[in-house]
Amino acid sequence: MSVKAYARERVGIWVIYGALSLVMGIFLVAFRIQGELIFFLLMMMWAVVIGTEIWELCRKKQFYDGMLRSLAELDNKYLIQELLEQPDFLEGQILCDVLHETNKSMYEHVAGYRQQNREFQEFIELWVHEIKLPVASLSLMMHNHRSEFGSKALEQLRRIDSYTDTVLYFARAEHAEKDYLIKPVSLKRIVSNAALRNREDLLLHGVRLETEQLDVQVLTDGKWLEFILGQFIANSLRYTSGKEDPFIRITAKDLSDRTVLHFYDNGIGIPADDLPHIFTKSFTGHNGRVFARSTGMGLYIVRNLCNRLGHDISVQSEEGKYTELSITFRKNDFYTR
């Protein structure tokens, strides 16, 4: 709150005071009051006015400046009401009451939306678990009668199963901290599980999987990491380039303070304009429109999971040549704090 702004707001009141002083001076002159006495009375009146204005300015400035400082320091601005002390002037008290009521109303609305979101999440999780039963039954039937259904039908069924997993993981991603267990896990075992889960798709697309230097343990949640690798494999298979020898190479580099997992494929690559946005929610990019139907959710979920697990994720790519995704696992005290 600046003095200049306060003065602009009060200038109308001061004009009224000046007019009253002029009228009072005229009346006093009309009643033949001595000039010295008139001057003394007017000076006394203006001393009271100026003193009152200075006092009002000081206490209001102290309150509003403190409020603005607190607001600037807060990450969650709606918590400002919790930091305000009840002022001793009416305008400030009204402002505090308004903030209190709006804050209360906001919390009630947020609680309602949270309840709706919780109920919807529970429904989605229940639906995914229910839909997996017929998917598993159909998968078993197709395996037992492969000649009747064919590999294409089995591939589509696996895609349905993968999409339902993505829905489930996305529903849980915002509260992943309640559903993971950080402990040392073998990268070789996780990669093997992901490869086995996607082996038929790899064979169907003729993609060769190479692994190197995976005999290392990292601090992570094995289930979530397996899901992340499954998303990488699904993306690589979706954007195969039709080369004679398509392959995926998964390697690890163990350093003193970190372990870096590299996922490399020689597919179609990512256009340079799309590269900064591939982790953005619902971003499909050029490849998602031309080569395959894409939801733009897979890598968005992957990035969120990596952030929550404390891993760093990065991407390098050259259109028409390769794509390499890297996950960095820390070796410091990140998980013990």
Protein backbone atom coordinates (compact mmCIF):
# COMPACT_ATOMS: atom_id res chain seq x y z
CA MET A 1 0.00 0.00 0.00
CA SER A 2 1.69 3.21 -1.15
CA VAL A 3 1.25 6.67 0.38
CA LYS A 4 0.50 8.09 -3.07
CA ALA A 5 -2.34 5.59 -3.62
CA TYR A 6 -3.78 6.34 -0.17
CA ALA A 7 -3.61 10.10 -0.87
CA ARG A 8 -5.45 9.68 -4.19
CA GLU A 9 -8.21 7.76 -2.42
CA ARG A 10 -8.58 10.43 0.32
CA VAL A 11 -8.33 13.55 -1.83
CA GLY A 12 -12.14 13.90 -2.01
CA ILE A 13 -12.40 13.90 1.81
CA TRP A 14 -9.69 16.53 2.06
CA VAL A 15 -11.52 18.77 -0.44
CA ILE A 16 -14.61 18.53 1.78
CA TYR A 17 -12.51 19.41 4.84
CA GLY A 18 -11.10 22.40 2.98
CA ALA A 19 -14.59 23.60 1.98
CA LEU A 20 -15.82 23.24 5.58
CA SER A 21 -12.79 25.18 6.82
CA LEU A 22 -13.57 27.99 4.36
CA VAL A 23 -17.25 28.11 5.39
CA MET A 24 -16.31 28.07 9.08
CA GLY A 25 -13.80 30.87 8.54
CA ILE A 26 -16.46 33.00 6.78
CA PHE A 27 -18.91 32.50 9.65
CA LEU A 28 -16.29 33.38 12.24
CA VAL A 29 -15.41 36.55 10.34
CA ALA A 30 -19.12 37.41 10.09
CA PHE A 31 -19.40 37.16 13.87
CA ARG A 32 -16.43 39.50 14.21
CA ILE A 33 -14.11 36.93 15.80
CA GLN A 34 -10.50 38.09 16.00
CA GLY A 35 -8.28 36.92 13.12
CA GLU A 36 -5.69 35.36 15.44
CA LEU A 37 -8.38 33.22 17.08
CA ILE A 38 -9.81 32.16 13.71
CA PHE A 39 -6.34 31.13 12.53
CA PHE A 40 -5.75 29.18 15.77
CA LEU A 41 -9.09 27.32 15.49
CA LEU A 42 -8.48 26.39 11.86
CA MET A 43 -4.96 25.20 12.64
CA MET A 44 -6.25 23.08 15.53
CA MET A 45 -8.89 21.52 13.26
CA TRP A 46 -6.35 20.72 10.53
CA ALA A 47 -3.89 19.33 13.09
CA VAL A 48 -6.59 16.87 14.21
CA VAL A 49 -7.43 15.99 10.57
CA ILE A 50 -3.79 15.46 9.59
CA GLY A 51 -3.00 13.47 12.74
CA THR A 52 -6.02 11.24 12.17
CA GLU A 53 -5.04 10.66 8.53
CA ILE A 54 -1.45 9.76 9.47
CA TRP A 55 -2.68 7.32 12.13
CA GLU A 56 -5.12 5.69 9.69
CA LEU A 57 -2.41 5.47 7.04
CA CYS A 58 0.10 3.84 9.36
CA ARG A 59 -2.15 1.09 10.70
CA LYS A 60 -3.70 0.29 7.31
CA LYS A 61 -0.33 0.33 5.58
CA GLN A 62 1.11 -2.02 8.18
CA PHE A 63 -1.79 -4.48 7.73
CA TYR A 64 -1.99 -4.45 3.92
CA ASP A 65 1.79 -4.45 3.37
CA GLY A 66 2.07 -7.45 5.69
CA MET A 67 -0.73 -9.20 3.82
CA LEU A 68 0.94 -8.59 0.44
CA ARG A 69 4.31 -9.84 1.73
CA SER A 70 2.73 -13.01 3.05
CA LEU A 71 0.86 -13.50 -0.21
CA ALA A 72 4.06 -13.18 -2.24
CA GLU A 73 5.81 -15.79 -0.09
CA LEU A 74 3.00 -18.35 -0.28
CA ASP A 75 2.97 -21.08 -2.89
CA ASN A 76 -0.70 -21.78 -2.23
CA LYS A 77 -2.23 -18.31 -2.28
CA TYR A 78 -5.56 -19.46 -0.86
CA LEU A 79 -3.86 -20.00 2.52
CA ILE A 80 -3.41 -16.25 3.02
CA GLN A 81 -6.40 -16.10 5.36
CA GLU A 82 -4.61 -18.43 7.78
CA LEU A 83 -1.72 -15.96 8.16
CA LEU A 84 -3.71 -12.77 8.71
CA GLU A 85 -4.13 -11.32 12.19
CA GLN A 86 -7.45 -9.64 12.95
CA PRO A 87 -6.89 -5.88 12.35
CA ASP A 88 -8.26 -3.11 14.59
CA PHE A 89 -10.08 -1.19 11.85
CA LEU A 90 -13.44 -2.00 10.29
CA GLU A 91 -12.37 -2.35 6.64
CA GLY A 92 -9.69 -4.90 7.52
CA GLN A 93 -12.09 -6.85 9.72
CA ILE A 94 -14.62 -7.01 6.87
CA LEU A 95 -11.88 -8.18 4.49
CA CYS A 96 -10.83 -10.94 6.93
CA ASP A 97 -14.44 -12.07 7.33
CA VAL A 98 -14.90 -12.17 3.53
CA LEU A 99 -11.68 -14.18 3.09
CA HIS A 100 -12.74 -16.57 5.83
CA GLU A 101 -16.14 -17.21 4.26
CA THR A 102 -14.77 -17.61 0.72
CA ASN A 103 -12.04 -19.93 2.01
CA LYS A 104 -14.63 -22.01 3.83
CA SER A 105 -16.79 -22.20 0.70
CA MET A 106 -13.79 -23.16 -1.42
CA TYR A 107 -12.84 -26.00 0.95
CA GLU A 108 -16.41 -27.31 0.86
CA HIS A 109 -16.42 -27.32 -2.95
CA VAL A 110 -12.99 -28.96 -3.11
CA ALA A 111 -14.12 -31.64 -0.64
CA GLY A 112 -17.12 -32.35 -2.86
CA TYR A 113 -15.00 -32.66 -5.99
CA ARG A 114 -12.49 -34.85 -4.17
CA GLN A 115 -15.29 -37.18 -3.14
CA GLN A 116 -16.56 -37.36 -6.73
CA ASN A 117 -13.03 -37.98 -7.99
CA ARG A 118 -12.49 -40.71 -5.40
CA GLU A 119 -15.74 -42.42 -6.36
CA PHE A 120 -14.88 -42.20 -10.07
CA GLN A 121 -11.41 -43.61 -9.45
CA GLU A 122 -12.87 -46.50 -7.48
CA PHE A 123 -15.29 -47.17 -10.35
CA ILE A 124 -12.47 -47.12 -12.93
CA GLU A 125 -10.36 -49.53 -10.88
CA LEU A 126 -13.33 -51.85 -10.41
CA TRP A 127 -14.14 -51.67 -14.13
CA VAL A 128 -10.56 -52.49 -15.12
CA HIS A 129 -10.47 -55.48 -12.81
CA GLU A 130 -13.81 -56.69 -14.15
CA ILE A 131 -12.86 -56.24 -17.80
CA LYS A 132 -9.63 -58.16 -17.29
CA LEU A 133 -11.57 -61.34 -16.54
CA PRO A 134 -13.14 -61.70 -20.02
CA VAL A 135 -9.89 -60.47 -21.61
CA ALA A 136 -7.96 -63.21 -19.82
CA SER A 137 -10.58 -65.79 -20.82
CA LEU A 138 -10.44 -64.69 -24.47
CA SER A 139 -6.65 -64.78 -24.41
CA LEU A 140 -6.68 -68.36 -23.12
CA MET A 141 -9.22 -69.38 -25.77
CA MET A 142 -7.11 -67.84 -28.53
CA HIS A 143 -3.97 -69.56 -27.31
CA ASN A 144 -5.80 -72.90 -27.29
CA HIS A 145 -7.30 -72.30 -30.75
CA ARG A 146 -4.60 -70.21 -32.38
CA SER A 147 -5.26 -71.66 -35.83
CA GLU A 148 -8.87 -70.47 -35.74
CA PHE A 149 -8.28 -66.95 -34.48
CA GLY A 150 -4.88 -66.10 -35.95
CA SER A 151 -2.06 -63.97 -34.60
CA LYS A 152 -3.69 -60.68 -35.62
CA ALA A 153 -6.68 -61.25 -33.38
CA LEU A 154 -4.39 -62.19 -30.50
CA GLU A 155 -2.39 -59.01 -31.04
CA GLN A 156 -5.54 -56.88 -30.83
CA LEU A 157 -6.55 -58.61 -27.63
CA ARG A 158 -3.15 -57.91 -26.10
CA ARG A 159 -3.53 -54.29 -27.11
CA ILE A 160 -6.88 -54.15 -25.29
CA ASP A 161 -5.21 -55.65 -22.22
CA SER A 162 -2.38 -53.10 -22.45
CA TYR A 163 -4.83 -50.20 -22.77
CA THR A 164 -6.78 -51.33 -19.70
CA ASP A 165 -3.49 -51.46 -17.77
CA THR A 166 -2.76 -47.91 -18.91
CA VAL A 167 -6.18 -46.75 -17.67
CA LEU A 168 -5.56 -48.39 -14.30
CA TYR A 169 -2.09 -46.94 -13.90
CA PHE A 170 -3.31 -43.48 -14.92
CA ALA A 171 -6.13 -43.66 -12.35
CA ARG A 172 -3.58 -44.51 -9.68
CA ALA A 173 -0.76 -42.26 -10.89
CA GLU A 174 -1.91 -39.19 -8.92
CA HIS A 175 -1.68 -41.26 -5.71
CA ALA A 176 1.20 -43.50 -6.69
CA GLU A 177 2.93 -42.91 -3.35
CA LYS A 178 0.31 -45.20 -1.79
CA ASP A 179 1.04 -48.00 -4.23
CA TYR A 180 4.77 -48.41 -4.55
CA LEU A 181 7.55 -50.07 -2.61
CA ILE A 182 11.04 -48.66 -3.12
CA LYS A 183 13.72 -51.30 -2.75
CA PRO A 184 16.75 -52.62 -4.66
CA VAL A 185 15.60 -54.51 -7.74
CA SER A 186 17.49 -56.21 -10.55
CA LEU A 187 17.30 -54.38 -13.87
CA LYS A 188 17.90 -57.68 -15.64
CA ARG A 189 14.85 -59.24 -14.01
CA ILE A 190 12.61 -56.24 -14.72
CA VAL A 191 13.67 -56.07 -18.36
CA SER A 192 13.14 -59.84 -18.72
CA ASN A 193 9.63 -59.56 -17.29
CA ALA A 194 8.77 -56.72 -19.65
CA ALA A 195 10.20 -58.64 -22.62
CA LEU A 196 8.25 -61.79 -21.74
CA ARG A 197 5.06 -59.80 -21.40
CA ASN A 198 5.56 -58.37 -24.89
CA ARG A 199 7.35 -61.32 -26.54
CA GLU A 200 4.57 -62.20 -28.97
CA ASP A 201 4.25 -58.60 -30.15
CA LEU A 202 8.02 -58.46 -30.64
CA LEU A 203 7.93 -61.66 -32.68
CA LEU A 204 4.92 -60.51 -34.69
CA HIS A 205 6.66 -57.26 -35.66
CA GLY A 206 9.99 -59.01 -36.24
CA VAL A 207 11.77 -56.73 -33.78
CA ARG A 208 14.98 -58.05 -32.25
CA LEU A 209 15.58 -57.26 -28.55
CA GLU A 210 19.15 -56.79 -27.37
CA THR A 211 20.22 -56.35 -23.74
CA GLU A 212 23.63 -55.48 -22.34
CA GLN A 213 25.16 -54.74 -18.93
CA LEU A 214 21.93 -55.16 -16.99
CA ASP A 215 23.50 -57.04 -14.05
CA VAL A 216 22.93 -54.10 -11.72
CA GLN A 217 20.45 -53.24 -9.00
CA VAL A 218 18.62 -49.93 -8.70
CA LEU A 219 16.33 -48.36 -6.10
CA THR A 220 12.84 -48.30 -7.55
CA ASP A 221 9.48 -50.04 -7.55
CA GLY A 222 9.68 -53.07 -9.81
CA LYS A 223 6.03 -53.07 -10.83
CA TRP A 224 6.00 -49.44 -11.91
CA LEU A 225 9.34 -49.77 -13.73
CA GLU A 226 8.05 -52.81 -15.61
CA PHE A 227 5.02 -50.77 -16.66
CA ILE A 228 7.31 -47.95 -17.86
CA LEU A 229 9.40 -50.35 -19.96
CA GLY A 230 6.19 -51.84 -21.35
CA GLN A 231 5.17 -48.37 -22.53
CA PHE A 232 8.59 -47.91 -24.18
CA ILE A 233 8.29 -51.24 -25.98
CA ALA A 234 4.71 -50.51 -27.08
CA ASN A 235 5.76 -47.15 -28.54
CA SER A 236 8.71 -48.71 -30.36
CA LEU A 237 6.51 -51.40 -31.90
CA ARG A 238 3.86 -48.85 -32.83
CA TYR A 239 6.38 -46.76 -34.73
CA THR A 240 8.49 -49.41 -36.43
CA SER A 241 10.04 -48.12 -39.61
CA GLY A 242 9.81 -51.26 -41.78
CA LYS A 243 13.59 -51.65 -41.88
CA GLU A 244 15.09 -55.03 -42.66
CA ASP A 245 16.51 -55.39 -39.18
CA PRO A 246 14.42 -53.47 -36.62
CA PHE A 247 15.78 -53.81 -33.11
CA ILE A 248 15.48 -52.51 -29.56
CA ARG A 249 18.59 -52.25 -27.40
CA ILE A 250 18.33 -51.91 -23.61
CA THR A 251 21.56 -51.20 -21.74
CA ALA A 252 22.58 -49.81 -18.37
CA LYS A 253 25.51 -47.69 -17.30
CA ASP A 254 26.46 -47.94 -13.63
CA LEU A 255 28.20 -44.82 -12.31
CA SER A 256 29.36 -43.84 -8.83
CA ASP A 257 26.36 -41.65 -8.01
CA ARG A 258 23.71 -42.95 -10.42
CA THR A 259 22.65 -45.70 -12.79
CA VAL A 260 21.35 -44.80 -16.23
CA LEU A 261 19.08 -47.15 -18.19
CA HIS A 262 19.13 -46.56 -21.95
CA PHE A 263 16.28 -47.72 -24.20
CA TYR A 264 17.28 -47.43 -27.87
CA ASP A 265 15.38 -48.34 -31.05
CA ASN A 266 16.20 -47.78 -34.71
CA GLY A 267 12.65 -46.84 -35.64
CA ILE A 268 11.23 -43.78 -37.32
CA GLY A 269 12.53 -41.33 -34.72
CA ILE A 270 10.80 -38.17 -33.51
CA PRO A 271 10.65 -34.88 -35.45
CA ALA A 272 12.70 -32.12 -33.84
CA ASP A 273 9.61 -29.91 -33.43
CA ASP A 274 7.79 -32.64 -31.48
CA LEU A 275 10.70 -33.63 -29.24
CA PRO A 276 10.17 -30.99 -26.48
CA HIS A 277 6.50 -31.95 -26.16
CA ILE A 278 6.43 -35.75 -26.10
CA PHE A 279 5.84 -35.87 -22.31
CA THR A 280 2.96 -33.39 -22.52
CA LYS A 281 -0.49 -34.72 -21.72
CA SER A 282 -2.49 -35.76 -24.83
CA PHE A 283 0.26 -34.68 -27.23
CA THR A 284 0.29 -37.03 -30.23
CA GLY A 285 2.62 -35.18 -32.58
CA HIS A 286 3.34 -35.87 -36.23
CA ASN A 287 4.01 -39.59 -35.78
CA GLY A 288 0.84 -40.15 -33.80
CA ARG A 289 -1.23 -38.76 -36.66
CA VAL A 290 0.58 -40.36 -39.60
CA PHE A 291 1.82 -43.78 -38.52
CA ALA A 292 -0.56 -44.94 -35.79
CA ARG A 293 -3.43 -43.82 -33.65
CA SER A 294 -2.06 -42.41 -30.42
CA THR A 295 -3.68 -41.10 -27.24
CA GLY A 296 -0.66 -39.08 -26.15
CA MET A 297 -1.06 -40.42 -22.59
CA GLY A 298 1.62 -43.13 -22.34
CA LEU A 299 4.73 -40.98 -22.04
CA TYR A 300 2.83 -38.41 -19.96
CA ILE A 301 2.07 -41.13 -17.39
CA VAL A 302 5.67 -42.37 -17.61
CA ARG A 303 7.08 -38.94 -16.83
CA ASN A 304 4.75 -38.50 -13.85
CA LEU A 305 5.73 -41.91 -12.50
CA CYS A 306 9.43 -41.14 -12.87
CA ASN A 307 8.98 -37.84 -11.04
CA ARG A 308 7.15 -39.53 -8.18
CA LEU A 309 9.67 -42.35 -7.97
CA GLY A 310 12.54 -39.85 -7.93
CA HIS A 311 13.95 -40.81 -11.33
CA ASP A 312 14.98 -38.48 -14.16
CA ILE A 313 13.85 -39.20 -17.70
CA SER A 314 15.21 -37.74 -20.93
CA VAL A 315 14.95 -38.40 -24.66
CA GLN A 316 17.20 -38.05 -27.68
CA SER A 317 16.07 -38.75 -31.22
CA GLU A 318 16.78 -38.12 -34.87
CA GLU A 319 13.95 -38.40 -37.32
CA GLY A 320 14.26 -41.45 -39.55
CA LYS A 321 17.16 -42.93 -37.56
CA TYR A 322 16.64 -43.63 -33.86
CA THR A 323 15.03 -42.79 -30.54
CA GLU A 324 16.74 -43.19 -27.17
CA LEU A 325 14.95 -42.82 -23.82
CA SER A 326 17.07 -42.69 -20.66
CA ILE A 327 16.03 -43.17 -17.04
CA THR A 328 18.43 -42.09 -14.30
CA PHE A 329 18.25 -43.85 -10.91
CA ARG A 330 19.84 -42.02 -8.01
CA LYS A 331 22.20 -43.56 -5.49
CA ASN A 332 22.04 -40.84 -2.84
CA ASP A 333 19.79 -40.53 0.25
CA PHE A 334 16.74 -39.40 -1.75
CA TYR A 335 14.60 -42.28 -0.41
CA THR A 336 15.85 -42.17 3.18
CA ARG A 337 15.05 -38.54 3.95
